[in-house]
C-alpha atoms as a PDB file:
ATOM      1  CA  MET A   1       0.600  13.290 -18.157  1.00  0.00           C
ATOM      2  CA  LYS A   2       3.448  14.700 -16.089  1.00  0.00           C
ATOM      3  CA  PRO A   3       2.130  16.956 -13.311  1.00  0.00           C
ATOM      4  CA  ASP A   4       3.417  20.465 -12.678  1.00  0.00           C
ATOM      5  CA  LEU A   5       5.756  20.169  -9.695  1.00  0.00           C
ATOM      6  CA  THR A   6       6.399  23.910  -9.353  1.00  0.00           C
ATOM      7  CA  LYS A   7       4.266  24.345  -6.225  1.00  0.00           C
ATOM      8  CA  ILE A   8       4.846  20.860  -4.805  1.00  0.00           C
ATOM      9  CA  SER A   9       6.574  20.670  -1.426  1.00  0.00           C
ATOM     10  CA  SER A  10       5.187  17.321  -0.196  1.00  0.00           C
ATOM     11  CA  VAL A  11       4.878  13.939  -1.904  1.00  0.00           C
ATOM     12  CA  ILE A  12       2.520  11.200  -0.702  1.00  0.00           C
ATOM     13  CA  PHE A  13       3.321   7.697  -1.936  1.00  0.00           C
ATOM     14  CA  ASP A  14       1.207   4.583  -2.172  1.00  0.00           C
ATOM     15  CA  LEU A  15       3.105   1.336  -1.497  1.00  0.00           C
ATOM     16  CA  GLY A  16       1.754  -1.413  -3.770  1.00  0.00           C
ATOM     17  CA  GLY A  17       2.362  -0.780  -7.459  1.00  0.00           C
ATOM     18  CA  VAL A  18       4.513   2.244  -6.630  1.00  0.00           C
ATOM     19  CA  ILE A  19       7.303   1.338  -4.193  1.00  0.00           C
ATOM     20  CA  ILE A  20       6.781  -2.435  -4.174  1.00  0.00           C
ATOM     21  CA  ASP A  21       5.620  -4.514  -7.136  1.00  0.00           C
ATOM     22  CA  LEU A  22       2.123  -5.931  -6.623  1.00  0.00           C
ATOM     23  CA  ASP A  23       0.444  -8.999  -8.125  1.00  0.00           C
ATOM     24  CA  MET A  24      -2.986  -9.701  -6.629  1.00  0.00           C
ATOM     25  CA  ASP A  25      -3.403 -12.786  -8.816  1.00  0.00           C
ATOM     26  CA  ALA A  26      -0.475 -14.440  -7.028  1.00  0.00           C
ATOM     27  CA  THR A  27      -2.422 -14.367  -3.757  1.00  0.00           C
ATOM     28  CA  TYR A  28      -5.633 -15.603  -5.387  1.00  0.00           C
ATOM     29  CA  LYS A  29      -3.676 -18.536  -6.834  1.00  0.00           C
ATOM     30  CA  ALA A  30      -1.939 -19.241  -3.517  1.00  0.00           C
ATOM     31  CA  PHE A  31      -5.261 -19.310  -1.655  1.00  0.00           C
ATOM     32  CA  ALA A  32      -6.728 -21.591  -4.321  1.00  0.00           C
ATOM     33  CA  ASP A  33      -3.774 -23.932  -3.839  1.00  0.00           C
ATOM     34  CA  LEU A  34      -4.564 -24.120  -0.098  1.00  0.00           C
ATOM     35  CA  SER A  35      -8.221 -24.947  -0.707  1.00  0.00           C
ATOM     36  CA  ASP A  36     -10.661 -26.695  -3.018  1.00  0.00           C
ATOM     37  CA  LEU A  37     -11.697 -23.345  -4.485  1.00  0.00           C
ATOM     38  CA  THR A  38     -10.777 -22.276  -7.996  1.00  0.00           C
ATOM     39  CA  PHE A  39      -8.811 -19.126  -8.767  1.00  0.00           C
ATOM     40  CA  GLU A  40     -12.009 -17.381  -9.880  1.00  0.00           C
ATOM     41  CA  GLN A  41     -13.869 -18.438  -6.732  1.00  0.00           C
ATOM     42  CA  VAL A  42     -11.115 -16.987  -4.546  1.00  0.00           C
ATOM     43  CA  LYS A  43     -11.153 -13.759  -6.554  1.00  0.00           C
ATOM     44  CA  GLU A  44     -14.930 -13.519  -6.098  1.00  0.00           C
ATOM     45  CA  LEU A  45     -14.540 -14.207  -2.377  1.00  0.00           C
ATOM     46  CA  ALA A  46     -12.056 -11.343  -2.011  1.00  0.00           C
ATOM     47  CA  ALA A  47     -14.430  -8.979  -3.811  1.00  0.00           C
ATOM     48  CA  LYS A  48     -17.558  -9.742  -1.795  1.00  0.00           C
ATOM     49  CA  GLU A  49     -16.420 -10.564   1.761  1.00  0.00           C
ATOM     50  CA  ASP A  50     -16.026  -7.488   3.966  1.00  0.00           C
ATOM     51  CA  PHE A  51     -13.521  -9.022   6.391  1.00  0.00           C
ATOM     52  CA  PHE A  52     -10.721  -8.045   3.996  1.00  0.00           C
ATOM     53  CA  LEU A  53     -11.709  -4.368   4.281  1.00  0.00           C
ATOM     54  CA  LYS A  54     -12.281  -4.649   8.028  1.00  0.00           C
ATOM     55  CA  TYR A  55      -8.759  -5.994   8.421  1.00  0.00           C
ATOM     56  CA  GLU A  56      -7.328  -3.074   6.429  1.00  0.00           C
ATOM     57  CA  VAL A  57      -8.890  -0.476   8.738  1.00  0.00           C
ATOM     58  CA  GLY A  58      -8.045  -2.240  11.986  1.00  0.00           C
ATOM     59  CA  GLU A  59     -11.555  -3.435  12.849  1.00  0.00           C
ATOM     60  CA  ILE A  60     -10.295  -7.014  13.177  1.00  0.00           C
ATOM     61  CA  ASP A  61      -6.870  -8.345  14.221  1.00  0.00           C
ATOM     62  CA  ASP A  62      -4.535 -10.938  12.679  1.00  0.00           C
ATOM     63  CA  PRO A  63      -6.060 -14.019  14.406  1.00  0.00           C
ATOM     64  CA  THR A  64      -9.606 -12.974  13.452  1.00  0.00           C
ATOM     65  CA  PHE A  65      -8.557 -12.349   9.846  1.00  0.00           C
ATOM     66  CA  ARG A  66      -6.929 -15.774   9.680  1.00  0.00           C
ATOM     67  CA  ALA A  67     -10.036 -17.355  11.225  1.00  0.00           C
ATOM     68  CA  HIS A  68     -12.161 -15.879   8.428  1.00  0.00           C
ATOM     69  CA  LEU A  69      -9.714 -17.208   5.842  1.00  0.00           C
ATOM     70  CA  ARG A  70      -9.766 -20.667   7.423  1.00  0.00           C
ATOM     71  CA  GLU A  71     -13.556 -20.711   7.371  1.00  0.00           C
ATOM     72  CA  HIS A  72     -13.894 -19.692   3.725  1.00  0.00           C
ATOM     73  CA  LEU A  73     -10.963 -21.732   2.434  1.00  0.00           C
ATOM     74  CA  GLU A  74     -11.741 -24.704   4.698  1.00  0.00           C
ATOM     75  CA  PHE A  75      -8.055 -24.692   5.613  1.00  0.00           C
ATOM     76  CA  THR A  76      -6.751 -26.342   8.795  1.00  0.00           C
ATOM     77  CA  GLY A  77      -2.992 -25.939   8.329  1.00  0.00           C
ATOM     78  CA  GLU A  78      -0.491 -23.614   9.994  1.00  0.00           C
ATOM     79  CA  ASP A  79      -0.806 -19.835  10.205  1.00  0.00           C
ATOM     80  CA  GLY A  80       2.453 -19.508   8.306  1.00  0.00           C
ATOM     81  CA  HIS A  81       0.911 -21.035   5.186  1.00  0.00           C
ATOM     82  CA  LEU A  82      -1.989 -18.568   5.294  1.00  0.00           C
ATOM     83  CA  ASP A  83       0.386 -15.644   5.815  1.00  0.00           C
ATOM     84  CA  ALA A  84       2.631 -16.778   2.959  1.00  0.00           C
ATOM     85  CA  ALA A  85      -0.358 -17.004   0.611  1.00  0.00           C
ATOM     86  CA  TRP A  86      -1.593 -13.573   1.727  1.00  0.00           C
ATOM     87  CA  ASN A  87       1.890 -12.129   1.152  1.00  0.00           C
ATOM     88  CA  ALA A  88       2.274 -13.769  -2.271  1.00  0.00           C
ATOM     89  CA  MET A  89       0.974 -10.580  -3.920  1.00  0.00           C
ATOM     90  CA  LEU A  90       3.976  -8.609  -2.651  1.00  0.00           C
ATOM     91  CA  GLY A  91       6.820  -8.587  -5.162  1.00  0.00           C
ATOM     92  CA  LYS A  92      10.222  -6.947  -5.302  1.00  0.00           C
ATOM     93  CA  ILE A  93      11.397  -3.544  -4.115  1.00  0.00           C
ATOM     94  CA  ASP A  94      14.000  -1.998  -6.397  1.00  0.00           C
ATOM     95  CA  LYS A  95      16.892  -0.550  -4.420  1.00  0.00           C
ATOM     96  CA  ASP A  96      17.101   2.491  -6.694  1.00  0.00           C
ATOM     97  CA  LYS A  97      13.573   3.473  -5.620  1.00  0.00           C
ATOM     98  CA  LEU A  98      14.730   3.806  -2.028  1.00  0.00           C
ATOM     99  CA  GLU A  99      17.798   5.709  -3.230  1.00  0.00           C
ATOM    100  CA  ARG A 100      15.594   8.099  -5.211  1.00  0.00           C
ATOM    101  CA  ILE A 101      13.308   8.594  -2.200  1.00  0.00           C
ATOM    102  CA  GLU A 102      16.361   9.357  -0.080  1.00  0.00           C
ATOM    103  CA  GLN A 103      17.403  12.047  -2.579  1.00  0.00           C
ATOM    104  CA  MET A 104      13.881  13.483  -2.705  1.00  0.00           C
ATOM    105  CA  ALA A 105      13.840  13.876   1.079  1.00  0.00           C
ATOM    106  CA  GLN A 106      16.352  16.713   0.689  1.00  0.00           C
ATOM    107  CA  LYS A 107      13.737  18.758  -1.197  1.00  0.00           C
ATOM    108  CA  TYR A 108      10.291  17.426  -0.195  1.00  0.00           C
ATOM    109  CA  LYS A 109       8.372  16.271   2.827  1.00  0.00           C
ATOM    110  CA  LEU A 110       7.666  12.625   2.066  1.00  0.00           C
ATOM    111  CA  PHE A 111       4.733  10.515   3.250  1.00  0.00           C
ATOM    112  CA  VAL A 112       3.200   7.103   2.660  1.00  0.00           C
ATOM    113  CA  MET A 113      -0.553   6.436   2.646  1.00  0.00           C
ATOM    114  CA  SER A 114      -1.196   2.750   2.085  1.00  0.00           C
ATOM    115  CA  ASN A 115      -4.215   0.477   2.364  1.00  0.00           C
ATOM    116  CA  THR A 116      -2.439  -2.317   4.183  1.00  0.00           C
ATOM    117  CA  ASN A 117      -2.284  -4.548   7.245  1.00  0.00           C
ATOM    118  CA  GLU A 118       0.030  -6.029   9.865  1.00  0.00           C
ATOM    119  CA  ILE A 119       0.827  -9.270   8.032  1.00  0.00           C
ATOM    120  CA  HIS A 120       1.825  -7.372   4.892  1.00  0.00           C
ATOM    121  CA  ILE A 121       3.805  -4.721   6.740  1.00  0.00           C
ATOM    122  CA  ARG A 122       5.870  -7.278   8.658  1.00  0.00           C
ATOM    123  CA  PHE A 123       6.732  -8.980   5.372  1.00  0.00           C
ATOM    124  CA  PHE A 124       7.352  -5.652   3.622  1.00  0.00           C
ATOM    125  CA  ASN A 125       9.733  -4.500   6.365  1.00  0.00           C
ATOM    126  CA  ARG A 126      11.718  -7.728   6.026  1.00  0.00           C
ATOM    127  CA  LEU A 127      12.055  -7.103   2.279  1.00  0.00           C
ATOM    128  CA  VAL A 128      13.287  -3.562   2.921  1.00  0.00           C
ATOM    129  CA  ASN A 129      15.742  -4.814   5.538  1.00  0.00           C
ATOM    130  CA  HIS A 130      17.408  -7.039   2.925  1.00  0.00           C
ATOM    131  CA  ILE A 131      18.265  -4.072   0.696  1.00  0.00           C
ATOM    132  CA  SER A 132      18.551  -1.390   3.398  1.00  0.00           C
ATOM    133  CA  PRO A 133      19.800  -3.126   6.572  1.00  0.00           C
ATOM    134  CA  ASN A 134      20.959   0.091   8.238  1.00  0.00           C
ATOM    135  CA  LYS A 135      17.877   2.213   7.587  1.00  0.00           C
ATOM    136  CA  PRO A 136      14.340   0.995   8.345  1.00  0.00           C
ATOM    137  CA  PHE A 137      11.627   1.945   5.877  1.00  0.00           C
ATOM    138  CA  HIS A 138       9.905   4.574   8.023  1.00  0.00           C
ATOM    139  CA  LYS A 139      13.174   6.526   8.299  1.00  0.00           C
ATOM    140  CA  TYR A 140      12.972   7.399   4.600  1.00  0.00           C
ATOM    141  CA  PHE A 141       9.833   9.468   5.190  1.00  0.00           C
ATOM    142  CA  THR A 142       8.520  12.344   7.256  1.00  0.00           C
ATOM    143  CA  GLU A 143       5.745   9.967   8.352  1.00  0.00           C
ATOM    144  CA  VAL A 144       4.197   6.687   7.216  1.00  0.00           C
ATOM    145  CA  TYR A 145       0.413   6.301   7.366  1.00  0.00           C
ATOM    146  CA  LEU A 146      -1.118   2.829   7.208  1.00  0.00           C
ATOM    147  CA  SER A 147      -4.859   2.274   6.858  1.00  0.00           C
ATOM    148  CA  GLN A 148      -4.935  -0.314   9.638  1.00  0.00           C
ATOM    149  CA  GLU A 149      -3.392   2.167  12.078  1.00  0.00           C
ATOM    150  CA  VAL A 150      -5.374   5.295  11.172  1.00  0.00           C
ATOM    151  CA  GLY A 151      -8.716   3.554  10.576  1.00  0.00           C
ATOM    152  CA  GLU A 152      -9.138   5.145   7.142  1.00  0.00           C
ATOM    153  CA  ARG A 153      -8.526   3.642   3.717  1.00  0.00           C
ATOM    154  CA  LYS A 154      -8.346   5.100   0.245  1.00  0.00           C
ATOM    155  CA  PRO A 155     -10.424   6.309  -1.549  1.00  0.00           C
ATOM    156  CA  ASN A 156     -12.141   7.713   1.571  1.00  0.00           C
ATOM    157  CA  PRO A 157     -11.203  11.419   1.917  1.00  0.00           C
ATOM    158  CA  GLY A 158     -10.152  10.851   5.529  1.00  0.00           C
ATOM    159  CA  ALA A 159      -7.145   8.859   4.350  1.00  0.00           C
ATOM    160  CA  TRP A 160      -5.520  12.044   3.005  1.00  0.00           C
ATOM    161  CA  GLN A 161      -7.163  14.467   5.407  1.00  0.00           C
ATOM    162  CA  VAL A 162      -5.303  12.953   8.355  1.00  0.00           C
ATOM    163  CA  ILE A 163      -1.978  13.760   6.655  1.00  0.00           C
ATOM    164  CA  LEU A 164      -3.043  17.284   5.692  1.00  0.00           C
ATOM    165  CA  ASN A 165      -4.255  17.962   9.235  1.00  0.00           C
ATOM    166  CA  ASP A 166      -1.323  16.384  11.073  1.00  0.00           C
ATOM    167  CA  HIS A 167       1.243  18.377   9.108  1.00  0.00           C
ATOM    168  CA  GLN A 168      -0.808  21.498   8.295  1.00  0.00           C
ATOM    169  CA  LEU A 169      -0.365  21.002   4.553  1.00  0.00           C
ATOM    170  CA  SER A 170      -2.191  22.822   1.762  1.00  0.00           C
ATOM    171  CA  PRO A 171      -3.607  20.259  -0.717  1.00  0.00           C
ATOM    172  CA  GLU A 172      -2.294  22.095  -3.774  1.00  0.00           C
ATOM    173  CA  THR A 173       1.281  21.731  -2.477  1.00  0.00           C
ATOM    174  CA  CYS A 174       0.947  17.921  -2.249  1.00  0.00           C
ATOM    175  CA  LEU A 175       1.574  15.358  -4.982  1.00  0.00           C
ATOM    176  CA  PHE A 176      -0.061  11.948  -4.521  1.00  0.00           C
ATOM    177  CA  ILE A 177       1.298   8.932  -6.428  1.00  0.00           C
ATOM    178  CA  ASP A 178      -0.889   5.820  -6.661  1.00  0.00           C
ATOM    179  CA  ASP A 179      -1.504   3.044  -9.178  1.00  0.00           C
ATOM    180  CA  LYS A 180      -5.316   3.131  -8.874  1.00  0.00           C
ATOM    181  CA  LEU A 181      -7.276   5.788 -10.777  1.00  0.00           C
ATOM    182  CA  GLU A 182     -10.121   5.857  -8.219  1.00  0.00           C
ATOM    183  CA  ASN A 183      -7.625   6.867  -5.521  1.00  0.00           C
ATOM    184  CA  ILE A 184      -6.097   9.568  -7.714  1.00  0.00           C
ATOM    185  CA  GLU A 185      -9.529  11.011  -8.498  1.00  0.00           C
ATOM    186  CA  ALA A 186     -10.506  11.004  -4.812  1.00  0.00           C
ATOM    187  CA  ALA A 187      -7.313  12.842  -3.845  1.00  0.00           C
ATOM    188  CA  GLU A 188      -7.811  15.399  -6.622  1.00  0.00           C
ATOM    189  CA  LYS A 189     -11.285  16.202  -5.284  1.00  0.00           C
ATOM    190  CA  LEU A 190      -9.504  17.444  -2.149  1.00  0.00           C
ATOM    191  CA  GLY A 191      -7.260  19.672  -4.264  1.00  0.00           C
ATOM    192  CA  ILE A 192      -4.243  17.355  -4.117  1.00  0.00           C
ATOM    193  CA  VAL A 193      -2.208  16.974  -7.324  1.00  0.00           C
ATOM    194  CA  GLY A 194      -2.498  13.370  -8.520  1.00  0.00           C
ATOM    195  CA  TYR A 195      -0.279  11.129 -10.624  1.00  0.00           C
ATOM    196  CA  GLN A 196      -1.396   7.647 -11.642  1.00  0.00           C
ATOM    197  CA  ASN A 197       1.551   5.275 -11.644  1.00  0.00           C
ATOM    198  CA  VAL A 198       0.573   2.890 -14.448  1.00  0.00           C
ATOM    199  CA  SER A 199       3.834   0.932 -14.390  1.00  0.00           C
ATOM    200  CA  PRO A 200       5.766   0.382 -11.124  1.00  0.00           C
ATOM    201  CA  ARG A 201       8.738   2.524 -12.208  1.00  0.00           C
ATOM    202  CA  ASP A 202       6.883   5.377 -13.937  1.00  0.00           C
ATOM    203  CA  TRP A 203       7.119   7.785 -10.994  1.00  0.00           C
ATOM    204  CA  LEU A 204      10.915   7.715 -11.082  1.00  0.00           C
ATOM    205  CA  GLU A 205      10.775   9.744 -14.313  1.00  0.00           C
ATOM    206  CA  LEU A 206       9.029  12.598 -12.481  1.00  0.00           C
ATOM    207  CA  PHE A 207      12.098  13.190 -10.337  1.00  0.00           C
ATOM    208  CA  ALA A 208      14.884  12.183 -12.731  1.00  0.00           C
END
């Protein structure tokens, strides 16, 4: 359902499944290809091992994350192969999304709150640079918040609270766009207006 934008003055975007296409299965398959594990075993590993979450909130660094992957995948190859498999989930960024965001910046304060990490962000920034060589990604927004940098990840309330506090925003004036229902529901409990982006391009219709 389309939210009422009458009182909205700030928009908070998720990255994966909203600005960039996301396919988790591609990473599970890539990790399986690097190891003797099956696709399902890799998927189970990602669900139960806490080092993935620790990496997303900055509790461990890139080398430690890779060391955990090597241990569980029994992989002895180059870091680049691990990084490529980890980045396999990241798909395309449509140029018109960045153009729409640029237009929106004339009317709204724009933010990003993403559960993400250094390896993904480096890759993401390279993708953006291909379609926007003269304007880095963070320049499209008032501020970009990444879970690894702020030490909070969705759906924890602190992930949004840091934005509200930093910019003295009232929750009811903020729209949050995310592909995951649990994140939308958590934001709405804070009084933020939520919109679940079921398909990667759905949110564009809100601001057509």
